[in-house]
């Protein structure tokens, strides 16, 4: 856990380096702070992970990044938590409370957790349309790991180990049409329909997107 008063380096370079590994810097610490993400989220490690995963999963278009960040901002409560708080819905998810929403873009329900587990283990999974898909179809290089805690521990595991990657996987792989719609410059409400169609947070998601559009150029 990072102190709310911790302010990491603002990288001036077009590349983001962390522990010797470098990726293109598409989103900086300054961008994230300006968007409204908390200092708990904006750490050196998270900046690297975010940019690494954006590159890995091909979330590289300006419109795509704007939508991903604006939805993630609200999904995580402005970067303060990678998992859904207790509420009247968590016990009703398929598989129970263990499979509540988790990640920068929440994956929810046992089916999506099962699917993400197989994606990490094998580079293939069943998507939200019940279709078998593989990493090769998306030109994604998956870092394979057989991690049963994704199933055994549910949201605790995803929030701790894969908070950004699980969101990118949902965005690109699990939810057919989401990334294509986002990358086309669609209105925020259309993206919210993919992410959480029943939410009562549409207005603040729209406002977040408007704000981030002025930041990510």
C-alpha atoms as a PDB file:
ATOM      1  CA  UNK A   1       0.000   0.000   0.000  1.00  0.00           C
ATOM      2  CA  UNK A   2       1.384   3.389  -1.000  1.00  0.00           C
ATOM      3  CA  UNK A   3       0.940   6.492   1.099  1.00  0.00           C
ATOM      4  CA  UNK A   4      -1.536   9.013  -0.296  1.00  0.00           C
ATOM      5  CA  UNK A   5       1.266  11.578   0.054  1.00  0.00           C
ATOM      6  CA  UNK A   6       3.706   9.633  -2.111  1.00  0.00           C
ATOM      7  CA  UNK A   7       4.448  11.397  -5.405  1.00  0.00           C
ATOM      8  CA  UNK A   8       6.459   9.299  -7.883  1.00  0.00           C
ATOM      9  CA  UNK A   9       8.757  10.603 -10.592  1.00  0.00           C
ATOM     10  CA  UNK A  10       7.172  12.292 -13.580  1.00  0.00           C
ATOM     11  CA  UNK A  11       8.936  10.680 -16.514  1.00  0.00           C
ATOM     12  CA  UNK A  12      10.035  13.212 -19.166  1.00  0.00           C
ATOM     13  CA  UNK A  13      11.196  10.469 -21.534  1.00  0.00           C
ATOM     14  CA  UNK A  14       8.995   8.934 -24.269  1.00  0.00           C
ATOM     15  CA  UNK A  15       9.889   5.592 -22.716  1.00  0.00           C
ATOM     16  CA  UNK A  16       8.971   4.280 -19.309  1.00  0.00           C
ATOM     17  CA  UNK A  17      11.658   2.287 -17.501  1.00  0.00           C
ATOM     18  CA  UNK A  18      11.144   0.227 -14.382  1.00  0.00           C
ATOM     19  CA  UNK A  19      13.661  -2.240 -12.950  1.00  0.00           C
ATOM     20  CA  UNK A  20      15.609  -2.251 -16.201  1.00  0.00           C
ATOM     21  CA  UNK A  21      12.682  -2.851 -18.580  1.00  0.00           C
ATOM     22  CA  UNK A  22      11.492  -0.162 -20.947  1.00  0.00           C
ATOM     23  CA  UNK A  23       8.187   0.342 -22.773  1.00  0.00           C
ATOM     24  CA  UNK A  24       6.735   3.294 -24.731  1.00  0.00           C
ATOM     25  CA  UNK A  25       5.298   5.880 -22.370  1.00  0.00           C
ATOM     26  CA  UNK A  26       1.754   6.524 -23.573  1.00  0.00           C
ATOM     27  CA  UNK A  27       0.391   7.581 -20.174  1.00  0.00           C
ATOM     28  CA  UNK A  28       2.549   9.459 -17.663  1.00  0.00           C
ATOM     29  CA  UNK A  29       2.226  10.019 -13.940  1.00  0.00           C
ATOM     30  CA  UNK A  30       1.329  13.618 -14.700  1.00  0.00           C
ATOM     31  CA  UNK A  31      -1.497  12.419 -16.982  1.00  0.00           C
ATOM     32  CA  UNK A  32      -2.879  10.108 -14.308  1.00  0.00           C
ATOM     33  CA  UNK A  33      -2.813  12.748 -11.591  1.00  0.00           C
ATOM     34  CA  UNK A  34      -4.474  15.250 -13.908  1.00  0.00           C
ATOM     35  CA  UNK A  35      -7.195  12.705 -14.700  1.00  0.00           C
ATOM     36  CA  UNK A  36      -7.955  12.271 -11.001  1.00  0.00           C
ATOM     37  CA  UNK A  37      -6.247   8.989 -10.093  1.00  0.00           C
ATOM     38  CA  UNK A  38      -5.143   8.841  -6.467  1.00  0.00           C
ATOM     39  CA  UNK A  39      -1.516   8.627  -5.369  1.00  0.00           C
ATOM     40  CA  UNK A  40      -2.286   5.075  -4.260  1.00  0.00           C
ATOM     41  CA  UNK A  41      -2.568   4.197  -7.950  1.00  0.00           C
ATOM     42  CA  UNK A  42       0.093   6.481  -9.419  1.00  0.00           C
ATOM     43  CA  UNK A  43       3.276   4.678  -8.378  1.00  0.00           C
ATOM     44  CA  UNK A  44       6.408   4.025 -10.410  1.00  0.00           C
ATOM     45  CA  UNK A  45       5.513   0.343 -10.637  1.00  0.00           C
ATOM     46  CA  UNK A  46       1.939   1.013 -11.739  1.00  0.00           C
ATOM     47  CA  UNK A  47       2.989   3.515 -14.391  1.00  0.00           C
ATOM     48  CA  UNK A  48       5.272   0.869 -15.845  1.00  0.00           C
ATOM     49  CA  UNK A  49       2.643  -1.875 -15.595  1.00  0.00           C
ATOM     50  CA  UNK A  50      -0.036   0.263 -17.194  1.00  0.00           C
ATOM     51  CA  UNK A  51       2.120   1.227 -20.153  1.00  0.00           C
ATOM     52  CA  UNK A  52       3.453  -2.309 -20.498  1.00  0.00           C
ATOM     53  CA  UNK A  53      -0.049  -3.803 -20.611  1.00  0.00           C
ATOM     54  CA  UNK A  54      -1.366  -1.144 -22.987  1.00  0.00           C
ATOM     55  CA  UNK A  55       1.441  -2.078 -25.354  1.00  0.00           C
ATOM     56  CA  UNK A  56       1.054  -5.831 -24.788  1.00  0.00           C
ATOM     57  CA  UNK A  57      -2.687  -5.842 -25.502  1.00  0.00           C
ATOM     58  CA  UNK A  58      -2.611  -3.276 -28.291  1.00  0.00           C
ATOM     59  CA  UNK A  59      -4.540  -0.560 -26.450  1.00  0.00           C
ATOM     60  CA  UNK A  60      -2.538   2.106 -28.222  1.00  0.00           C
ATOM     61  CA  UNK A  61      -4.999   4.315 -30.103  1.00  0.00           C
ATOM     62  CA  UNK A  62      -5.737   7.688 -28.540  1.00  0.00           C
ATOM     63  CA  UNK A  63      -9.498   7.107 -28.364  1.00  0.00           C
ATOM     64  CA  UNK A  64      -8.948   3.593 -27.026  1.00  0.00           C
ATOM     65  CA  UNK A  65      -6.689   4.820 -24.223  1.00  0.00           C
ATOM     66  CA  UNK A  66      -9.054   7.650 -23.324  1.00  0.00           C
ATOM     67  CA  UNK A  67     -11.963   5.264 -22.890  1.00  0.00           C
ATOM     68  CA  UNK A  68      -9.876   2.660 -21.035  1.00  0.00           C
ATOM     69  CA  UNK A  69      -8.620   5.211 -18.529  1.00  0.00           C
ATOM     70  CA  UNK A  70     -11.954   6.967 -18.008  1.00  0.00           C
ATOM     71  CA  UNK A  71     -13.791   3.706 -17.382  1.00  0.00           C
ATOM     72  CA  UNK A  72     -10.956   2.474 -15.161  1.00  0.00           C
ATOM     73  CA  UNK A  73     -10.983   5.698 -13.177  1.00  0.00           C
ATOM     74  CA  UNK A  74     -14.578   5.129 -12.109  1.00  0.00           C
ATOM     75  CA  UNK A  75     -14.362   1.335 -11.831  1.00  0.00           C
ATOM     76  CA  UNK A  76     -11.555   1.710  -9.283  1.00  0.00           C
ATOM     77  CA  UNK A  77     -13.006   4.635  -7.372  1.00  0.00           C
ATOM     78  CA  UNK A  78     -10.382   7.034  -8.740  1.00  0.00           C
ATOM     79  CA  UNK A  79      -7.638   4.463  -8.363  1.00  0.00           C
ATOM     80  CA  UNK A  80      -8.248   3.719  -4.701  1.00  0.00           C
ATOM     81  CA  UNK A  81      -9.306   0.064  -4.962  1.00  0.00           C
ATOM     82  CA  UNK A  82      -8.973  -2.719  -7.509  1.00  0.00           C
ATOM     83  CA  UNK A  83     -11.972  -4.624  -6.168  1.00  0.00           C
ATOM     84  CA  UNK A  84     -15.644  -3.962  -5.678  1.00  0.00           C
ATOM     85  CA  UNK A  85     -16.803  -3.018  -2.191  1.00  0.00           C
ATOM     86  CA  UNK A  86     -19.467  -5.032  -0.380  1.00  0.00           C
ATOM     87  CA  UNK A  87     -22.892  -4.138  -1.722  1.00  0.00           C
ATOM     88  CA  UNK A  88     -26.306  -5.667  -2.350  1.00  0.00           C
ATOM     89  CA  UNK A  89     -25.075  -7.271  -5.575  1.00  0.00           C
ATOM     90  CA  UNK A  90     -21.849  -9.026  -4.558  1.00  0.00           C
ATOM     91  CA  UNK A  91     -23.564 -12.095  -3.101  1.00  0.00           C
ATOM     92  CA  UNK A  92     -25.630 -12.518  -6.265  1.00  0.00           C
ATOM     93  CA  UNK A  93     -22.758 -12.913  -8.729  1.00  0.00           C
ATOM     94  CA  UNK A  94     -22.324 -16.343 -10.289  1.00  0.00           C
ATOM     95  CA  UNK A  95     -20.095 -18.284  -7.922  1.00  0.00           C
ATOM     96  CA  UNK A  96     -20.784 -15.901  -5.044  1.00  0.00           C
ATOM     97  CA  UNK A  97     -19.007 -12.965  -3.437  1.00  0.00           C
ATOM     98  CA  UNK A  98     -15.561 -14.341  -4.233  1.00  0.00           C
ATOM     99  CA  UNK A  99     -16.158 -13.447  -7.870  1.00  0.00           C
ATOM    100  CA  UNK A 100     -17.136  -9.832  -7.337  1.00  0.00           C
ATOM    101  CA  UNK A 101     -15.695  -7.194  -9.660  1.00  0.00           C
ATOM    102  CA  UNK A 102     -11.910  -6.851  -9.675  1.00  0.00           C
ATOM    103  CA  UNK A 103      -9.322  -5.139 -11.843  1.00  0.00           C
ATOM    104  CA  UNK A 104      -8.971  -1.695 -13.385  1.00  0.00           C
ATOM    105  CA  UNK A 105     -11.903  -2.746 -15.577  1.00  0.00           C
ATOM    106  CA  UNK A 106     -13.875  -5.147 -13.411  1.00  0.00           C
ATOM    107  CA  UNK A 107     -14.178  -8.773 -14.376  1.00  0.00           C
ATOM    108  CA  UNK A 108     -17.187 -10.223 -12.587  1.00  0.00           C
ATOM    109  CA  UNK A 109     -18.705 -13.680 -12.039  1.00  0.00           C
ATOM    110  CA  UNK A 110     -17.126 -17.120 -11.995  1.00  0.00           C
ATOM    111  CA  UNK A 111     -17.330 -17.548 -15.772  1.00  0.00           C
ATOM    112  CA  UNK A 112     -15.060 -14.585 -16.414  1.00  0.00           C
ATOM    113  CA  UNK A 113     -12.621 -15.672 -13.686  1.00  0.00           C
ATOM    114  CA  UNK A 114     -12.495 -19.184 -15.166  1.00  0.00           C
ATOM    115  CA  UNK A 115     -11.884 -17.687 -18.580  1.00  0.00           C
ATOM    116  CA  UNK A 116      -9.101 -15.411 -17.367  1.00  0.00           C
ATOM    117  CA  UNK A 117      -7.462 -18.335 -15.569  1.00  0.00           C
ATOM    118  CA  UNK A 118      -7.319 -20.357 -18.795  1.00  0.00           C
ATOM    119  CA  UNK A 119      -6.088 -17.330 -20.716  1.00  0.00           C
ATOM    120  CA  UNK A 120      -3.127 -16.982 -18.373  1.00  0.00           C
ATOM    121  CA  UNK A 121      -2.475 -20.710 -18.348  1.00  0.00           C
ATOM    122  CA  UNK A 122      -2.909 -21.534 -22.044  1.00  0.00           C
ATOM    123  CA  UNK A 123      -3.321 -18.334 -24.045  1.00  0.00           C
ATOM    124  CA  UNK A 124      -6.865 -19.285 -24.989  1.00  0.00           C
ATOM    125  CA  UNK A 125     -10.263 -18.969 -23.356  1.00  0.00           C
ATOM    126  CA  UNK A 126     -14.017 -18.722 -23.810  1.00  0.00           C
ATOM    127  CA  UNK A 127     -15.073 -15.139 -24.337  1.00  0.00           C
ATOM    128  CA  UNK A 128     -18.244 -13.377 -23.234  1.00  0.00           C
ATOM    129  CA  UNK A 129     -20.060 -14.603 -26.337  1.00  0.00           C
ATOM    130  CA  UNK A 130     -19.210 -18.201 -25.422  1.00  0.00           C
ATOM    131  CA  UNK A 131     -16.722 -18.457 -28.283  1.00  0.00           C
ATOM    132  CA  UNK A 132     -13.264 -20.014 -28.030  1.00  0.00           C
ATOM    133  CA  UNK A 133     -10.521 -17.470 -28.773  1.00  0.00           C
ATOM    134  CA  UNK A 134      -6.728 -17.546 -28.624  1.00  0.00           C
ATOM    135  CA  UNK A 135      -3.894 -15.090 -28.163  1.00  0.00           C
ATOM    136  CA  UNK A 136      -2.765 -15.677 -31.743  1.00  0.00           C
ATOM    137  CA  UNK A 137      -5.996 -14.108 -33.022  1.00  0.00           C
ATOM    138  CA  UNK A 138      -5.143 -10.889 -31.220  1.00  0.00           C
ATOM    139  CA  UNK A 139      -1.349 -10.999 -31.696  1.00  0.00           C
ATOM    140  CA  UNK A 140      -0.968 -10.858 -27.925  1.00  0.00           C
ATOM    141  CA  UNK A 141       2.098 -12.353 -26.295  1.00  0.00           C
ATOM    142  CA  UNK A 142       0.739 -13.927 -23.123  1.00  0.00           C
ATOM    143  CA  UNK A 143       3.076 -14.490 -20.193  1.00  0.00           C
ATOM    144  CA  UNK A 144       1.881 -17.971 -19.283  1.00  0.00           C
ATOM    145  CA  UNK A 145       1.325 -18.885 -15.667  1.00  0.00           C
ATOM    146  CA  UNK A 146      -0.789 -21.628 -14.122  1.00  0.00           C
ATOM    147  CA  UNK A 147      -2.206 -19.725 -11.172  1.00  0.00           C
ATOM    148  CA  UNK A 148      -5.093 -21.540  -9.467  1.00  0.00           C
ATOM    149  CA  UNK A 149      -5.487 -18.654  -7.005  1.00  0.00           C
ATOM    150  CA  UNK A 150      -7.398 -16.836  -9.752  1.00  0.00           C
ATOM    151  CA  UNK A 151     -10.157 -19.395  -9.131  1.00  0.00           C
ATOM    152  CA  UNK A 152      -9.444 -20.300  -5.522  1.00  0.00           C
ATOM    153  CA  UNK A 153      -9.155 -16.748  -4.196  1.00  0.00           C
ATOM    154  CA  UNK A 154     -11.158 -14.894  -6.832  1.00  0.00           C
ATOM    155  CA  UNK A 155     -11.142 -11.126  -6.551  1.00  0.00           C
ATOM    156  CA  UNK A 156      -8.352 -11.096  -3.958  1.00  0.00           C
ATOM    157  CA  UNK A 157      -5.955 -12.747  -6.420  1.00  0.00           C
ATOM    158  CA  UNK A 158      -6.945 -10.671  -9.443  1.00  0.00           C
ATOM    159  CA  UNK A 159      -6.810  -7.391  -7.530  1.00  0.00           C
ATOM    160  CA  UNK A 160      -3.402  -8.213  -6.087  1.00  0.00           C
ATOM    161  CA  UNK A 161      -1.633  -9.893  -9.028  1.00  0.00           C
ATOM    162  CA  UNK A 162      -3.357  -8.945 -12.286  1.00  0.00           C
ATOM    163  CA  UNK A 163      -5.329  -5.725 -11.758  1.00  0.00           C
ATOM    164  CA  UNK A 164      -4.279  -4.031 -14.973  1.00  0.00           C
ATOM    165  CA  UNK A 165      -3.816  -7.065 -17.197  1.00  0.00           C
ATOM    166  CA  UNK A 166      -7.225  -8.509 -16.292  1.00  0.00           C
ATOM    167  CA  UNK A 167      -8.831  -5.224 -17.314  1.00  0.00           C
ATOM    168  CA  UNK A 168      -6.971  -5.159 -20.625  1.00  0.00           C
ATOM    169  CA  UNK A 169      -7.927  -8.794 -21.245  1.00  0.00           C
ATOM    170  CA  UNK A 170     -11.592  -7.975 -20.639  1.00  0.00           C
ATOM    171  CA  UNK A 171     -11.305  -4.941 -22.929  1.00  0.00           C
ATOM    172  CA  UNK A 172      -9.627  -6.677 -25.862  1.00  0.00           C
ATOM    173  CA  UNK A 173     -10.404 -10.386 -25.567  1.00  0.00           C
ATOM    174  CA  UNK A 174     -13.356 -11.195 -23.339  1.00  0.00           C
ATOM    175  CA  UNK A 175     -15.855  -8.578 -24.474  1.00  0.00           C
ATOM    176  CA  UNK A 176     -16.231  -8.818 -28.276  1.00  0.00           C
ATOM    177  CA  UNK A 177     -16.528  -5.454 -29.975  1.00  0.00           C
ATOM    178  CA  UNK A 178     -15.512  -3.365 -26.971  1.00  0.00           C
ATOM    179  CA  UNK A 179     -12.068  -2.312 -28.129  1.00  0.00           C
ATOM    180  CA  UNK A 180     -13.171  -1.732 -31.714  1.00  0.00           C
ATOM    181  CA  UNK A 181     -15.982   0.505 -30.488  1.00  0.00           C
ATOM    182  CA  UNK A 182     -13.675   2.389 -28.124  1.00  0.00           C
ATOM    183  CA  UNK A 183     -11.041   2.892 -30.792  1.00  0.00           C
ATOM    184  CA  UNK A 184     -13.636   4.311 -33.184  1.00  0.00           C
ATOM    185  CA  UNK A 185     -14.195   7.339 -30.959  1.00  0.00           C
ATOM    186  CA  UNK A 186     -17.642   6.229 -29.802  1.00  0.00           C
ATOM    187  CA  UNK A 187     -19.557   8.129 -27.145  1.00  0.00           C
ATOM    188  CA  UNK A 188     -18.789   7.126 -23.534  1.00  0.00           C
ATOM    189  CA  UNK A 189     -22.284   5.695 -22.992  1.00  0.00           C
ATOM    190  CA  UNK A 190     -21.638   3.084 -25.668  1.00  0.00           C
ATOM    191  CA  UNK A 191     -18.510   1.938 -23.831  1.00  0.00           C
ATOM    192  CA  UNK A 192     -20.329   1.891 -20.506  1.00  0.00           C
ATOM    193  CA  UNK A 193     -22.859  -0.462 -22.112  1.00  0.00           C
ATOM    194  CA  UNK A 194     -20.008  -2.960 -22.551  1.00  0.00           C
ATOM    195  CA  UNK A 195     -18.406  -2.408 -19.155  1.00  0.00           C
ATOM    196  CA  UNK A 196     -21.365  -2.023 -16.784  1.00  0.00           C
ATOM    197  CA  UNK A 197     -24.662  -1.470 -18.532  1.00  0.00           C
ATOM    198  CA  UNK A 198     -26.693  -1.309 -15.293  1.00  0.00           C
ATOM    199  CA  UNK A 199     -24.508   1.227 -13.518  1.00  0.00           C
ATOM    200  CA  UNK A 200     -25.828   4.457 -12.047  1.00  0.00           C
ATOM    201  CA  UNK A 201     -22.475   6.134 -12.714  1.00  0.00           C
ATOM    202  CA  UNK A 202     -22.973   7.007 -16.384  1.00  0.00           C
ATOM    203  CA  UNK A 203     -22.785  10.735 -15.804  1.00  0.00           C
ATOM    204  CA  UNK A 204     -19.492  10.639 -13.943  1.00  0.00           C
ATOM    205  CA  UNK A 205     -18.050   8.233 -16.539  1.00  0.00           C
ATOM    206  CA  UNK A 206     -19.017  10.720 -19.228  1.00  0.00           C
ATOM    207  CA  UNK A 207     -17.412  13.536 -17.247  1.00  0.00           C
ATOM    208  CA  UNK A 208     -14.270  11.452 -16.699  1.00  0.00           C
ATOM    209  CA  UNK A 209     -14.003  10.808 -20.431  1.00  0.00           C
ATOM    210  CA  UNK A 210     -14.440  14.503 -21.208  1.00  0.00           C
ATOM    211  CA  UNK A 211     -11.670  15.377 -18.792  1.00  0.00           C
ATOM    212  CA  UNK A 212      -9.272  12.680 -19.996  1.00  0.00           C
ATOM    213  CA  UNK A 213      -9.882  13.638 -23.631  1.00  0.00           C
ATOM    214  CA  UNK A 214      -8.230  16.971 -22.817  1.00  0.00           C
ATOM    215  CA  UNK A 215      -5.240  15.190 -21.257  1.00  0.00           C
ATOM    216  CA  UNK A 216      -4.466  12.295 -23.595  1.00  0.00           C
ATOM    217  CA  UNK A 217      -3.587  13.720 -27.002  1.00  0.00           C
END
